Protein backbone atom coordinates (compact mmCIF):
# COMPACT_ATOMS: atom_id res chain seq x y z
CA MET A 1 3.13 14.57 -10.88
CA GLU A 2 1.08 11.52 -9.94
CA GLU A 3 0.78 8.89 -12.63
CA SER A 4 -2.67 7.87 -13.84
CA ILE A 5 -3.34 4.14 -13.50
CA LEU A 6 -5.54 4.03 -16.60
CA VAL A 7 -3.19 6.08 -18.78
CA SER A 8 -0.08 4.11 -17.76
CA ILE A 9 -1.76 0.75 -18.43
CA LYS A 10 -3.07 1.98 -21.79
CA ASP A 11 0.44 3.19 -22.70
CA MET A 12 1.87 -0.26 -21.91
CA LEU A 13 -0.90 -2.00 -23.84
CA GLY A 14 -0.17 0.07 -26.91
CA PRO A 15 -3.27 2.12 -27.76
CA ASP A 16 -2.82 5.87 -27.88
CA SER A 17 -3.67 7.03 -24.38
CA SER A 18 -5.97 9.70 -25.85
CA ASP A 19 -8.06 6.98 -27.56
CA ASP A 20 -10.89 6.12 -25.17
CA VAL A 21 -12.69 3.49 -27.28
CA PHE A 22 -11.62 0.60 -25.05
CA ASP A 23 -11.51 2.47 -21.72
CA SER A 24 -14.54 0.74 -20.22
CA GLU A 25 -13.15 -2.71 -21.02
CA ILE A 26 -9.66 -1.81 -19.80
CA LEU A 27 -11.11 -0.34 -16.59
CA ILE A 28 -12.97 -3.57 -15.82
CA HIS A 29 -9.73 -5.53 -16.15
CA ILE A 30 -7.72 -3.00 -14.14
CA ASN A 31 -10.25 -3.21 -11.31
CA MET A 32 -10.12 -7.02 -11.42
CA ALA A 33 -6.33 -6.89 -10.97
CA LEU A 34 -6.59 -4.29 -8.21
CA SER A 35 -9.11 -6.50 -6.40
CA VAL A 36 -6.63 -9.38 -6.50
CA LEU A 37 -3.95 -7.08 -5.11
CA THR A 38 -6.29 -5.95 -2.33
CA GLN A 39 -6.81 -9.60 -1.37
CA LEU A 40 -3.02 -9.95 -1.25
CA GLY A 41 -2.81 -7.00 1.14
CA VAL A 42 -1.68 -4.39 -1.40
CA GLY A 43 -3.40 -1.01 -1.52
CA PRO A 44 -6.20 0.33 0.67
CA SER A 45 -7.78 -2.39 2.82
CA GLU A 46 -11.27 -1.24 1.83
CA GLY A 47 -10.43 -1.76 -1.84
CA PHE A 48 -9.89 0.63 -4.70
CA VAL A 49 -11.83 1.26 -7.91
CA VAL A 50 -10.55 3.10 -10.96
CA THR A 51 -13.36 4.86 -12.86
CA ASP A 52 -11.36 7.24 -15.01
CA ALA A 53 -7.89 8.66 -15.69
CA ASP A 54 -7.92 10.63 -12.43
CA ALA A 55 -7.06 7.62 -10.22
CA THR A 56 -3.31 7.46 -9.61
CA TRP A 57 -0.80 4.83 -8.57
CA ASN A 58 0.05 6.98 -5.55
CA GLN A 59 -3.57 6.86 -4.40
CA PHE A 60 -3.53 3.07 -4.66
CA LEU A 61 0.00 2.29 -3.43
CA GLY A 62 0.59 5.25 -1.15
CA ASN A 63 4.26 5.92 -0.48
CA ALA A 64 5.27 2.25 -0.42
CA LYS A 65 8.32 1.87 -2.63
CA ASP A 66 8.79 -1.86 -1.97
CA ILE A 67 5.63 -2.79 -3.89
CA GLU A 68 6.21 -0.92 -7.16
CA MET A 69 6.02 -4.36 -8.82
CA ALA A 70 2.24 -4.06 -8.39
CA LYS A 71 2.25 -1.97 -11.57
CA SER A 72 3.74 -4.85 -13.56
CA PHE A 73 1.25 -7.23 -11.96
CA VAL A 74 -1.71 -5.07 -13.02
CA PHE A 75 -0.33 -4.63 -16.54
CA MET A 76 0.22 -8.36 -17.07
CA LYS A 77 -3.18 -9.28 -15.65
CA VAL A 78 -4.87 -6.75 -17.94
CA LYS A 79 -2.78 -7.79 -20.94
CA MET A 80 -3.67 -11.47 -20.49
CA VAL A 81 -7.42 -10.79 -20.67
CA PHE A 82 -7.57 -7.69 -22.89
CA ASP A 83 -4.94 -8.57 -25.49
CA PRO A 84 -3.56 -12.04 -24.74
CA PRO A 85 -0.37 -13.15 -26.47
CA THR A 86 -0.86 -15.54 -29.39
CA SER A 87 1.95 -17.81 -28.24
CA SER A 88 1.07 -20.28 -25.51
CA PHE A 89 4.68 -20.07 -24.32
CA THR A 90 4.41 -16.30 -23.84
CA LEU A 91 1.07 -16.66 -22.07
CA SER A 92 2.51 -19.32 -19.77
CA ALA A 93 5.51 -17.10 -18.99
CA MET A 94 3.18 -14.19 -18.15
CA GLU A 95 1.07 -16.42 -15.89
CA LYS A 96 4.18 -17.61 -14.05
CA ALA A 97 5.43 -14.03 -13.71
CA CYS A 98 2.06 -12.96 -12.26
CA ASP A 99 2.14 -15.86 -9.81
CA GLU A 100 5.63 -14.87 -8.67
CA LEU A 101 4.75 -11.18 -8.42
CA GLY A 102 1.63 -12.04 -6.44
CA TRP A 103 3.69 -14.12 -4.03
CA ARG A 104 6.38 -11.43 -3.69
CA LEU A 105 3.77 -8.71 -3.12
CA SER A 106 2.09 -10.85 -0.48
CA VAL A 107 5.42 -11.38 1.28
CA ALA A 108 6.27 -7.66 1.02
CA THR A 109 2.96 -6.62 2.56
CA ASP A 110 3.25 -9.26 5.30
CA THR A 111 6.74 -8.00 6.13
CA THR A 112 5.58 -4.37 6.12
CA ALA A 113 2.53 -5.13 8.29
CA SER A 114 4.51 -7.14 10.84
CA SER A 115 7.21 -4.47 11.16
CA ASN A 116 4.66 -1.75 12.10
């Protein structure tokens, strides 16, 4: 079964995935993170927009197993704007982790593109 992007991010954020009160706000932040990933060479080159729970990680990532870390990247990006940590140390750690993941994803997609 393909995993819904919206549902998986909501599960990691904490709200009950059946609660749709914040879906529009969460979707905006998911799409921001996916746009960043597209600029890094991850996902479809024409971009990808999540409008509901039907969009899946497989549709965005395809069969690429070496870029699964994109899920963590999207979660942390959404978390930082939707429900930021109260500790500046935690926020700084998340920002550094996103920077590293972004770099690693960029390297992974460069390596994949140049080996084709």
